[in-house]
Amino acid sequence: LANNLALMLKNMGNYEEALPLFRDGLAGYRHTYGAGHPETLIRINNLGNLLCKMGNFEEALPLCKEALEGRRESLGDKHPSTLNSINNIGVLLKDMGKKEEA
């Protein structure tokens, strides 16, 4: 429920309100299900995306990489969620001015 509210706030542009909900939701899922659980990976990805939108690239990048690594391990390289994570990192690196890495 908190993740849905956080997503709604993010989509409305209320990033500061969404941030603690994403953080708390991720902490709960990490504690309950572990870092590699698909639902935890969704929350890692969501927080990374929000931080990227907020311009907090340095905090976003490790989260996006963690989501990608977890998705590769649990879902494989060709799964749509894994491909989404690859795209997210490319966009993030481009936004950071690291176009060659993207």
PDB file of N, CA and C in Angstrom:
ATOM      1  N   LEU A   1       0.822  -1.201   0.000  1.00  0.00           N
ATOM      2  CA  LEU A   1       0.000   0.000   0.000  1.00  0.00           C
ATOM      3  C   LEU A   1       0.864   1.262   0.000  1.00  0.00           C
ATOM      4  N   ALA A   2       1.903   1.259   0.854  1.00  0.00           N
ATOM      5  CA  ALA A   2       2.783   2.431   0.916  1.00  0.00           C
ATOM      6  C   ALA A   2       3.497   2.644  -0.415  1.00  0.00           C
ATOM      7  N   ASN A   3       3.891   1.545  -1.070  1.00  0.00           N
ATOM      8  CA  ASN A   3       4.559   1.671  -2.359  1.00  0.00           C
ATOM      9  C   ASN A   3       3.620   2.288  -3.393  1.00  0.00           C
ATOM     10  N   ASN A   4       2.356   1.899  -3.381  1.00  0.00           N
ATOM     11  CA  ASN A   4       1.394   2.468  -4.321  1.00  0.00           C
ATOM     12  C   ASN A   4       1.188   3.951  -4.070  1.00  0.00           C
ATOM     13  N   LEU A   5       1.094   4.332  -2.798  1.00  0.00           N
ATOM     14  CA  LEU A   5       0.948   5.747  -2.458  1.00  0.00           C
ATOM     15  C   LEU A   5       2.196   6.514  -2.878  1.00  0.00           C
ATOM     16  N   ALA A   6       3.364   5.937  -2.626  1.00  0.00           N
ATOM     17  CA  ALA A   6       4.616   6.581  -3.019  1.00  0.00           C
ATOM     18  C   ALA A   6       4.683   6.767  -4.534  1.00  0.00           C
ATOM     19  N   LEU A   7       4.271   5.747  -5.277  1.00  0.00           N
ATOM     20  CA  LEU A   7       4.261   5.865  -6.738  1.00  0.00           C
ATOM     21  C   LEU A   7       3.302   6.957  -7.199  1.00  0.00           C
ATOM     22  N   MET A   8       2.145   7.031  -6.570  1.00  0.00           N
ATOM     23  CA  MET A   8       1.171   8.061  -6.928  1.00  0.00           C
ATOM     24  C   MET A   8       1.754   9.454  -6.649  1.00  0.00           C
ATOM     25  N   LEU A   9       2.360   9.625  -5.480  1.00  0.00           N
ATOM     26  CA  LEU A   9       2.964  10.918  -5.146  1.00  0.00           C
ATOM     27  C   LEU A   9       4.085  11.268  -6.123  1.00  0.00           C
ATOM     28  N   LYS A  10       4.902  10.278  -6.466  1.00  0.00           N
ATOM     29  CA  LYS A  10       5.985  10.510  -7.432  1.00  0.00           C
ATOM     30  C   LYS A  10       5.406  10.948  -8.771  1.00  0.00           C
ATOM     31  N   ASN A  11       4.385  10.254  -9.225  1.00  0.00           N
ATOM     32  CA  ASN A  11       3.776  10.581 -10.515  1.00  0.00           C
ATOM     33  C   ASN A  11       3.126  11.959 -10.514  1.00  0.00           C
ATOM     34  N   MET A  12       2.732  12.426  -9.337  1.00  0.00           N
ATOM     35  CA  MET A  12       2.161  13.773  -9.206  1.00  0.00           C
ATOM     36  C   MET A  12       3.241  14.836  -9.045  1.00  0.00           C
ATOM     37  N   GLY A  13       4.495  14.390  -8.964  1.00  0.00           N
ATOM     38  CA  GLY A  13       5.596  15.334  -8.805  1.00  0.00           C
ATOM     39  C   GLY A  13       5.914  15.685  -7.366  1.00  0.00           C
ATOM     40  N   ASN A  14       5.291  14.988  -6.422  1.00  0.00           N
ATOM     41  CA  ASN A  14       5.524  15.239  -4.997  1.00  0.00           C
ATOM     42  C   ASN A  14       6.655  14.341  -4.491  1.00  0.00           C
ATOM     43  N   TYR A  15       7.847  14.608  -4.988  1.00  0.00           N
ATOM     44  CA  TYR A  15       8.990  13.736  -4.721  1.00  0.00           C
ATOM     45  C   TYR A  15       9.371  13.696  -3.242  1.00  0.00           C
ATOM     46  N   GLU A  16       9.371  14.860  -2.602  1.00  0.00           N
ATOM     47  CA  GLU A  16       9.769  14.903  -1.193  1.00  0.00           C
ATOM     48  C   GLU A  16       8.807  14.110  -0.309  1.00  0.00           C
ATOM     49  N   GLU A  17       7.539  14.101  -0.648  1.00  0.00           N
ATOM     50  CA  GLU A  17       6.560  13.319   0.120  1.00  0.00           C
ATOM     51  C   GLU A  17       6.710  11.827  -0.161  1.00  0.00           C
ATOM     52  N   ALA A  18       7.063  11.497  -1.379  1.00  0.00           N
ATOM     53  CA  ALA A  18       7.198  10.092  -1.762  1.00  0.00           C
ATOM     54  C   ALA A  18       8.460   9.453  -1.192  1.00  0.00           C
ATOM     55  N   LEU A  19       9.512  10.236  -1.030  1.00  0.00           N
ATOM     56  CA  LEU A  19      10.809   9.696  -0.633  1.00  0.00           C
ATOM     57  C   LEU A  19      10.775   8.873   0.656  1.00  0.00           C
ATOM     58  N   PRO A  20      10.226   9.380   1.760  1.00  0.00           N
ATOM     59  CA  PRO A  20      10.229   8.550   2.976  1.00  0.00           C
ATOM     60  C   PRO A  20       9.383   7.289   2.840  1.00  0.00           C
ATOM     61  N   LEU A  21       8.336   7.343   2.041  1.00  0.00           N
ATOM     62  CA  LEU A  21       7.508   6.153   1.834  1.00  0.00           C
ATOM     63  C   LEU A  21       8.297   5.088   1.075  1.00  0.00           C
ATOM     64  N   PHE A  22       9.028   5.503   0.051  1.00  0.00           N
ATOM     65  CA  PHE A  22       9.860   4.549  -0.684  1.00  0.00           C
ATOM     66  C   PHE A  22      10.946   3.962   0.218  1.00  0.00           C
ATOM     67  N   ARG A  23      11.593   4.827   1.001  1.00  0.00           N
ATOM     68  CA  ARG A  23      12.663   4.357   1.887  1.00  0.00           C
ATOM     69  C   ARG A  23      12.127   3.374   2.931  1.00  0.00           C
ATOM     70  N   ASP A  24      11.027   3.730   3.567  1.00  0.00           N
ATOM     71  CA  ASP A  24      10.452   2.863   4.604  1.00  0.00           C
ATOM     72  C   ASP A  24       9.977   1.540   4.010  1.00  0.00           C
ATOM     73  N   GLY A  25       9.337   1.620   2.848  1.00  0.00           N
ATOM     74  CA  GLY A  25       8.867   0.396   2.197  1.00  0.00           C
ATOM     75  C   GLY A  25      10.008  -0.530   1.838  1.00  0.00           C
ATOM     76  N   LEU A  26      11.079   0.032   1.317  1.00  0.00           N
ATOM     77  CA  LEU A  26      12.239  -0.777   0.973  1.00  0.00           C
ATOM     78  C   LEU A  26      12.851  -1.401   2.214  1.00  0.00           C
ATOM     79  N   ALA A  27      12.985  -0.642   3.271  1.00  0.00           N
ATOM     80  CA  ALA A  27      13.564  -1.179   4.509  1.00  0.00           C
ATOM     81  C   ALA A  27      12.732  -2.349   5.026  1.00  0.00           C
ATOM     82  N   GLY A  28      11.423  -2.215   4.969  1.00  0.00           N
ATOM     83  CA  GLY A  28      10.543  -3.291   5.415  1.00  0.00           C
ATOM     84  C   GLY A  28      10.682  -4.547   4.570  1.00  0.00           C
ATOM     85  N   TYR A  29      10.752  -4.377   3.276  1.00  0.00           N
ATOM     86  CA  TYR A  29      10.888  -5.536   2.386  1.00  0.00           C
ATOM     87  C   TYR A  29      12.254  -6.192   2.515  1.00  0.00           C
ATOM     88  N   ARG A  30      13.305  -5.386   2.667  1.00  0.00           N
ATOM     89  CA  ARG A  30      14.635  -5.964   2.877  1.00  0.00           C
ATOM     90  C   ARG A  30      14.637  -6.822   4.143  1.00  0.00           C
ATOM     91  N   HIS A  31      14.025  -6.293   5.191  1.00  0.00           N
ATOM     92  CA  HIS A  31      13.994  -6.995   6.479  1.00  0.00           C
ATOM     93  C   HIS A  31      13.149  -8.271   6.394  1.00  0.00           C
ATOM     94  N   THR A  32      12.006  -8.179   5.764  1.00  0.00           N
ATOM     95  CA  THR A  32      11.064  -9.296   5.734  1.00  0.00           C
ATOM     96  C   THR A  32      11.426 -10.355   4.703  1.00  0.00           C
ATOM     97  N   TYR A  33      11.779  -9.925   3.496  1.00  0.00           N
ATOM     98  CA  TYR A  33      11.967 -10.862   2.383  1.00  0.00           C
ATOM     99  C   TYR A  33      13.415 -11.038   1.930  1.00  0.00           C
ATOM    100  N   GLY A  34      14.281 -10.112   2.287  1.00  0.00           N
ATOM    101  CA  GLY A  34      15.665 -10.172   1.839  1.00  0.00           C
ATOM    102  C   GLY A  34      15.880  -9.344   0.588  1.00  0.00           C
ATOM    103  N   ALA A  35      17.146  -9.065   0.303  1.00  0.00           N
ATOM    104  CA  ALA A  35      17.507  -8.159  -0.786  1.00  0.00           C
ATOM    105  C   ALA A  35      17.209  -8.718  -2.172  1.00  0.00           C
ATOM    106  N   GLY A  36      17.226 -10.037  -2.331  1.00  0.00           N
ATOM    107  CA  GLY A  36      17.064 -10.620  -3.658  1.00  0.00           C
ATOM    108  C   GLY A  36      15.641 -10.967  -4.045  1.00  0.00           C
ATOM    109  N   HIS A  37      14.684 -10.735  -3.167  1.00  0.00           N
ATOM    110  CA  HIS A  37      13.292 -11.054  -3.476  1.00  0.00           C
ATOM    111  C   HIS A  37      12.777 -10.118  -4.571  1.00  0.00           C
ATOM    112  N   PRO A  38      12.008 -10.641  -5.531  1.00  0.00           N
ATOM    113  CA  PRO A  38      11.515  -9.783  -6.626  1.00  0.00           C
ATOM    114  C   PRO A  38      10.767  -8.534  -6.156  1.00  0.00           C
ATOM    115  N   GLU A  39       9.990  -8.645  -5.099  1.00  0.00           N
ATOM    116  CA  GLU A  39       9.262  -7.465  -4.604  1.00  0.00           C
ATOM    117  C   GLU A  39      10.218  -6.449  -3.986  1.00  0.00           C
ATOM    118  N   THR A  40      11.268  -6.938  -3.344  1.00  0.00           N
ATOM    119  CA  THR A  40      12.284  -6.029  -2.803  1.00  0.00           C
ATOM    120  C   THR A  40      13.001  -5.326  -3.946  1.00  0.00           C
ATOM    121  N   LEU A  41      13.307  -6.063  -5.005  1.00  0.00           N
ATOM    122  CA  LEU A  41      13.988  -5.473  -6.159  1.00  0.00           C
ATOM    123  C   LEU A  41      13.141  -4.389  -6.814  1.00  0.00           C
ATOM    124  N   ILE A  42      11.840  -4.580  -6.833  1.00  0.00           N
ATOM    125  CA  ILE A  42      10.941  -3.532  -7.359  1.00  0.00           C
ATOM    126  C   ILE A  42      11.084  -2.267  -6.535  1.00  0.00           C
ATOM    127  N   ARG A  43      11.132  -2.416  -5.219  1.00  0.00           N
ATOM    128  CA  ARG A  43      11.239  -1.257  -4.347  1.00  0.00           C
ATOM    129  C   ARG A  43      12.607  -0.587  -4.439  1.00  0.00           C
ATOM    130  N   ILE A  44      13.654  -1.389  -4.631  1.00  0.00           N
ATOM    131  CA  ILE A  44      14.984  -0.829  -4.844  1.00  0.00           C
ATOM    132  C   ILE A  44      14.976   0.007  -6.128  1.00  0.00           C
ATOM    133  N   ASN A  45      14.404  -0.557  -7.173  1.00  0.00           N
ATOM    134  CA  ASN A  45      14.305   0.128  -8.456  1.00  0.00           C
ATOM    135  C   ASN A  45      13.488   1.417  -8.332  1.00  0.00           C
ATOM    136  N   ASN A  46      12.358   1.343  -7.639  1.00  0.00           N
ATOM    137  CA  ASN A  46      11.505   2.519  -7.487  1.00  0.00           C
ATOM    138  C   ASN A  46      12.219   3.647  -6.752  1.00  0.00           C
ATOM    139  N   LEU A  47      12.929   3.318  -5.679  1.00  0.00           N
ATOM    140  CA  LEU A  47      13.663   4.340  -4.936  1.00  0.00           C
ATOM    141  C   LEU A  47      14.773   4.928  -5.802  1.00  0.00           C
ATOM    142  N   GLY A  48      15.494   4.086  -6.516  1.00  0.00           N
ATOM    143  CA  GLY A  48      16.534   4.587  -7.412  1.00  0.00           C
ATOM    144  C   GLY A  48      15.974   5.532  -8.464  1.00  0.00           C
ATOM    145  N   ASN A  49      14.827   5.181  -9.027  1.00  0.00           N
ATOM    146  CA  ASN A  49      14.197   6.043 -10.036  1.00  0.00           C
ATOM    147  C   ASN A  49      13.786   7.386  -9.453  1.00  0.00           C
ATOM    148  N   LEU A  50      13.227   7.361  -8.248  1.00  0.00           N
ATOM    149  CA  LEU A  50      12.820   8.616  -7.614  1.00  0.00           C
ATOM    150  C   LEU A  50      14.038   9.499  -7.354  1.00  0.00           C
ATOM    151  N   LEU A  51      15.090   8.914  -6.803  1.00  0.00           N
ATOM    152  CA  LEU A  51      16.295   9.687  -6.519  1.00  0.00           C
ATOM    153  C   LEU A  51      16.876  10.280  -7.795  1.00  0.00           C
ATOM    154  N   CYS A  52      16.794   9.541  -8.884  1.00  0.00           N
ATOM    155  CA  CYS A  52      17.243  10.053 -10.176  1.00  0.00           C
ATOM    156  C   CYS A  52      16.413  11.259 -10.580  1.00  0.00           C
ATOM    157  N   LYS A  53      15.108  11.153 -10.456  1.00  0.00           N
ATOM    158  CA  LYS A  53      14.224  12.270 -10.814  1.00  0.00           C
ATOM    159  C   LYS A  53      14.498  13.497  -9.948  1.00  0.00           C
ATOM    160  N   MET A  54      14.945  13.251  -8.700  1.00  0.00           N
ATOM    161  CA  MET A  54      15.250  14.342  -7.781  1.00  0.00           C
ATOM    162  C   MET A  54      16.638  14.928  -8.035  1.00  0.00           C
ATOM    163  N   GLY A  55      17.403  14.314  -8.967  1.00  0.00           N
ATOM    164  CA  GLY A  55      18.738  14.784  -9.262  1.00  0.00           C
ATOM    165  C   GLY A  55      19.806  14.262  -8.322  1.00  0.00           C
ATOM    166  N   ASN A  56      19.448  13.308  -7.483  1.00  0.00           N
ATOM    167  CA  ASN A  56      20.390  12.709  -6.538  1.00  0.00           C
ATOM    168  C   ASN A  56      21.012  11.477  -7.191  1.00  0.00           C
ATOM    169  N   PHE A  57      21.813  11.736  -8.206  1.00  0.00           N
ATOM    170  CA  PHE A  57      22.363  10.666  -9.039  1.00  0.00           C
ATOM    171  C   PHE A  57      23.320   9.753  -8.287  1.00  0.00           C
ATOM    172  N   GLU A  58      24.117  10.330  -7.403  1.00  0.00           N
ATOM    173  CA  GLU A  58      25.119   9.531  -6.692  1.00  0.00           C
ATOM    174  C   GLU A  58      24.474   8.503  -5.766  1.00  0.00           C
ATOM    175  N   GLU A  59      23.335   8.815  -5.202  1.00  0.00           N
ATOM    176  CA  GLU A  59      22.621   7.851  -4.362  1.00  0.00           C
ATOM    177  C   GLU A  59      21.791   6.894  -5.214  1.00  0.00           C
ATOM    178  N   ALA A  60      21.314   7.369  -6.346  1.00  0.00           N
ATOM    179  CA  ALA A  60      20.468   6.555  -7.221  1.00  0.00           C
ATOM    180  C   ALA A  60      21.247   5.441  -7.905  1.00  0.00           C
ATOM    181  N   LEU A  61      22.465   5.731  -8.345  1.00  0.00           N
ATOM    182  CA  LEU A  61      23.223   4.767  -9.149  1.00  0.00           C
ATOM    183  C   LEU A  61      23.451   3.429  -8.439  1.00  0.00           C
ATOM    184  N   PRO A  62      23.918   3.404  -7.185  1.00  0.00           N
ATOM    185  CA  PRO A  62      24.110   2.090  -6.547  1.00  0.00           C
ATOM    186  C   PRO A  62      22.810   1.309  -6.389  1.00  0.00           C
ATOM    187  N   LEU A  63      21.706   2.012  -6.158  1.00  0.00           N
ATOM    188  CA  LEU A  63      20.416   1.322  -6.046  1.00  0.00           C
ATOM    189  C   LEU A  63      20.005   0.727  -7.389  1.00  0.00           C
ATOM    190  N   CYS A  64      20.168   1.499  -8.454  1.00  0.00           N
ATOM    191  CA  CYS A  64      19.816   0.985  -9.778  1.00  0.00           C
ATOM    192  C   CYS A  64      20.690  -0.203 -10.158  1.00  0.00           C
ATOM    193  N   LYS A  65      21.966  -0.144  -9.794  1.00  0.00           N
ATOM    194  CA  LYS A  65      22.862  -1.265 -10.068  1.00  0.00           C
ATOM    195  C   LYS A  65      22.481  -2.487  -9.235  1.00  0.00           C
ATOM    196  N   GLU A  66      22.084  -2.264  -7.984  1.00  0.00           N
ATOM    197  CA  GLU A  66      21.649  -3.372  -7.130  1.00  0.00           C
ATOM    198  C   GLU A  66      20.402  -4.040  -7.704  1.00  0.00           C
ATOM    199  N   ALA A  67      19.462  -3.223  -8.170  1.00  0.00           N
ATOM    200  CA  ALA A  67      18.245  -3.771  -8.778  1.00  0.00           C
ATOM    201  C   ALA A  67      18.602  -4.592 -10.017  1.00  0.00           C
ATOM    202  N   LEU A  68      19.499  -4.078 -10.845  1.00  0.00           N
ATOM    203  CA  LEU A  68      19.904  -4.802 -12.053  1.00  0.00           C
ATOM    204  C   LEU A  68      20.568  -6.125 -11.699  1.00  0.00           C
ATOM    205  N   GLU A  69      21.511  -6.105 -10.782  1.00  0.00           N
ATOM    206  CA  GLU A  69      22.211  -7.336 -10.398  1.00  0.00           C
ATOM    207  C   GLU A  69      21.235  -8.368  -9.841  1.00  0.00           C
ATOM    208  N   GLY A  70      20.324  -7.936  -8.986  1.00  0.00           N
ATOM    209  CA  GLY A  70      19.341  -8.854  -8.420  1.00  0.00           C
ATOM    210  C   GLY A  70      18.410  -9.421  -9.473  1.00  0.00           C
ATOM    211  N   ARG A  71      17.994  -8.578 -10.396  1.00  0.00           N
ATOM    212  CA  ARG A  71      17.097  -9.042 -11.454  1.00  0.00           C
ATOM    213  C   ARG A  71      17.806  -9.985 -12.410  1.00  0.00           C
ATOM    214  N   ARG A  72      19.052  -9.701 -12.711  1.00  0.00           N
ATOM    215  CA  ARG A  72      19.810 -10.626 -13.571  1.00  0.00           C
ATOM    216  C   ARG A  72      19.912 -11.992 -12.908  1.00  0.00           C
ATOM    217  N   GLU A  73      20.205 -11.976 -11.627  1.00  0.00           N
ATOM    218  CA  GLU A  73      20.373 -13.230 -10.895  1.00  0.00           C
ATOM    219  C   GLU A  73      19.064 -14.006 -10.775  1.00  0.00           C
ATOM    220  N   SER A  74      17.984 -13.305 -10.467  1.00  0.00           N
ATOM    221  CA  SER A  74      16.729 -14.013 -10.211  1.00  0.00           C
ATOM    222  C   SER A  74      15.851 -14.200 -11.445  1.00  0.00           C
ATOM    223  N   LEU A  75      15.956 -13.300 -12.419  1.00  0.00           N
ATOM    224  CA  LEU A  75      15.046 -13.334 -13.567  1.00  0.00           C
ATOM    225  C   LEU A  75      15.738 -13.640 -14.898  1.00  0.00           C
ATOM    226  N   GLY A  76      17.047 -13.433 -14.963  1.00  0.00           N
ATOM    227  CA  GLY A  76      17.773 -13.642 -16.212  1.00  0.00           C
ATOM    228  C   GLY A  76      17.936 -12.350 -16.990  1.00  0.00           C
ATOM    229  N   ASP A  77      18.835 -12.381 -17.955  1.00  0.00           N
ATOM    230  CA  ASP A  77      19.195 -11.185 -18.721  1.00  0.00           C
ATOM    231  C   ASP A  77      18.103 -10.687 -19.662  1.00  0.00           C
ATOM    232  N   LYS A  78      17.208 -11.556 -20.086  1.00  0.00           N
ATOM    233  CA  LYS A  78      16.235 -11.167 -21.109  1.00  0.00           C
ATOM    234  C   LYS A  78      14.848 -10.844 -20.552  1.00  0.00           C
ATOM    235  N   HIS A  79      14.684 -10.930 -19.253  1.00  0.00           N
ATOM    236  CA  HIS A  79      13.385 -10.622 -18.648  1.00  0.00           C
ATOM    237  C   HIS A  79      13.102  -9.125 -18.784  1.00  0.00           C
ATOM    238  N   PRO A  80      11.849  -8.737 -19.028  1.00  0.00           N
ATOM    239  CA  PRO A  80      11.518  -7.317 -19.187  1.00  0.00           C
ATOM    240  C   PRO A  80      11.945  -6.440 -18.001  1.00  0.00           C
ATOM    241  N   SER A  81      11.861  -6.955 -16.792  1.00  0.00           N
ATOM    242  CA  SER A  81      12.280  -6.156 -15.632  1.00  0.00           C
ATOM    243  C   SER A  81      13.788  -5.930 -15.630  1.00  0.00           C
ATOM    244  N   THR A  82      14.541  -6.932 -16.042  1.00  0.00           N
ATOM    245  CA  THR A  82      15.990  -6.790 -16.148  1.00  0.00           C
ATOM    246  C   THR A  82      16.332  -5.765 -17.221  1.00  0.00           C
ATOM    247  N   LEU A  83      15.669  -5.866 -18.357  1.00  0.00           N
ATOM    248  CA  LEU A  83      15.905  -4.907 -19.440  1.00  0.00           C
ATOM    249  C   LEU A  83      15.526  -3.492 -19.016  1.00  0.00           C
ATOM    250  N   ASN A  84      14.474  -3.366 -18.228  1.00  0.00           N
ATOM    251  CA  ASN A  84      14.067  -2.070 -17.689  1.00  0.00           C
ATOM    252  C   ASN A  84      15.175  -1.499 -16.816  1.00  0.00           C
ATOM    253  N   SER A  85      15.778  -2.349 -15.982  1.00  0.00           N
ATOM    254  CA  SER A  85      16.870  -1.894 -15.117  1.00  0.00           C
ATOM    255  C   SER A  85      18.080  -1.445 -15.929  1.00  0.00           C
ATOM    256  N   ILE A  86      18.386  -2.168 -17.004  1.00  0.00           N
ATOM    257  CA  ILE A  86      19.492  -1.770 -17.872  1.00  0.00           C
ATOM    258  C   ILE A  86      19.209  -0.387 -18.461  1.00  0.00           C
ATOM    259  N   ASN A  87      18.000  -0.188 -18.922  1.00  0.00           N
ATOM    260  CA  ASN A  87      17.609   1.108 -19.474  1.00  0.00           C
ATOM    261  C   ASN A  87      17.708   2.207 -18.417  1.00  0.00           C
ATOM    262  N   ASN A  88      17.248   1.926 -17.207  1.00  0.00           N
ATOM    263  CA  ASN A  88      17.299   2.918 -16.134  1.00  0.00           C
ATOM    264  C   ASN A  88      18.726   3.378 -15.868  1.00  0.00           C
ATOM    265  N   ILE A  89      19.658   2.433 -15.853  1.00  0.00           N
ATOM    266  CA  ILE A  89      21.056   2.790 -15.612  1.00  0.00           C
ATOM    267  C   ILE A  89      21.599   3.612 -16.769  1.00  0.00           C
ATOM    268  N   GLY A  90      21.235   3.254 -17.988  1.00  0.00           N
ATOM    269  CA  GLY A  90      21.674   4.039 -19.140  1.00  0.00           C
ATOM    270  C   GLY A  90      21.189   5.476 -19.077  1.00  0.00           C
ATOM    271  N   VAL A  91      19.929   5.663 -18.737  1.00  0.00           N
ATOM    272  CA  VAL A  91      19.364   7.011 -18.614  1.00  0.00           C
ATOM    273  C   VAL A  91      20.061   7.766 -17.483  1.00  0.00           C
ATOM    274  N   LEU A  92      20.262   7.091 -16.372  1.00  0.00           N
ATOM    275  CA  LEU A  92      20.913   7.718 -15.226  1.00  0.00           C
ATOM    276  C   LEU A  92      22.335   8.159 -15.579  1.00  0.00           C
ATOM    277  N   LEU A  93      23.095   7.290 -16.220  1.00  0.00           N
ATOM    278  CA  LEU A  93      24.455   7.645 -16.608  1.00  0.00           C
ATOM    279  C   LEU A  93      24.465   8.816 -17.596  1.00  0.00           C
ATOM    280  N   LYS A  94      23.517   8.816 -18.514  1.00  0.00           N
ATOM    281  CA  LYS A  94      23.397   9.939 -19.462  1.00  0.00           C
ATOM    282  C   LYS A  94      23.115  11.226 -18.704  1.00  0.00           C
ATOM    283  N   ASP A  95      22.187  11.160 -17.743  1.00  0.00           N
ATOM    284  CA  ASP A  95      21.849  12.345 -16.951  1.00  0.00           C
ATOM    285  C   ASP A  95      23.025  12.832 -16.109  1.00  0.00           C
ATOM    286  N   MET A  96      23.913  11.907 -15.750  1.00  0.00           N
ATOM    287  CA  MET A  96      25.103  12.256 -14.979  1.00  0.00           C
ATOM    288  C   MET A  96      26.213  12.806 -15.866  1.00  0.00           C
ATOM    289  N   GLY A  97      25.990  12.825 -17.189  1.00  0.00           N
ATOM    290  CA  GLY A  97      26.994  13.288 -18.122  1.00  0.00           C
ATOM    291  C   GLY A  97      28.026  12.237 -18.481  1.00  0.00           C
ATOM    292  N   LYS A  98      27.707  10.987 -18.191  1.00  0.00           N
ATOM    293  CA  LYS A  98      28.623   9.871 -18.482  1.00  0.00           C
ATOM    294  C   LYS A  98      28.096   9.116 -19.695  1.00  0.00           C
ATOM    295  N   LYS A  99      28.021   9.797 -20.819  1.00  0.00           N
ATOM    296  CA  LYS A  99      27.412   9.229 -22.014  1.00  0.00           C
ATOM    297  C   LYS A  99      28.176   8.027 -22.549  1.00  0.00           C
ATOM    298  N   GLU A 100      29.493   7.997 -22.391  1.00  0.00           N
ATOM    299  CA  GLU A 100      30.265   6.860 -22.889  1.00  0.00           C
ATOM    300  C   GLU A 100      29.962   5.595 -22.090  1.00  0.00           C
ATOM    301  N   GLU A 101      29.717   5.734 -20.786  1.00  0.00           N
ATOM    302  CA  GLU A 101      29.371   4.584 -19.962  1.00  0.00           C
ATOM    303  C   GLU A 101      27.952   4.110 -20.230  1.00  0.00           C
ATOM    304  N   ALA A 102      27.084   5.063 -20.595  1.00  0.00           N
ATOM    305  CA  ALA A 102      25.685   4.726 -20.839  1.00  0.00           C
ATOM    306  C   ALA A 102      25.583   3.814 -22.030  1.00  0.00           C
TER     307      ALA A 102
END
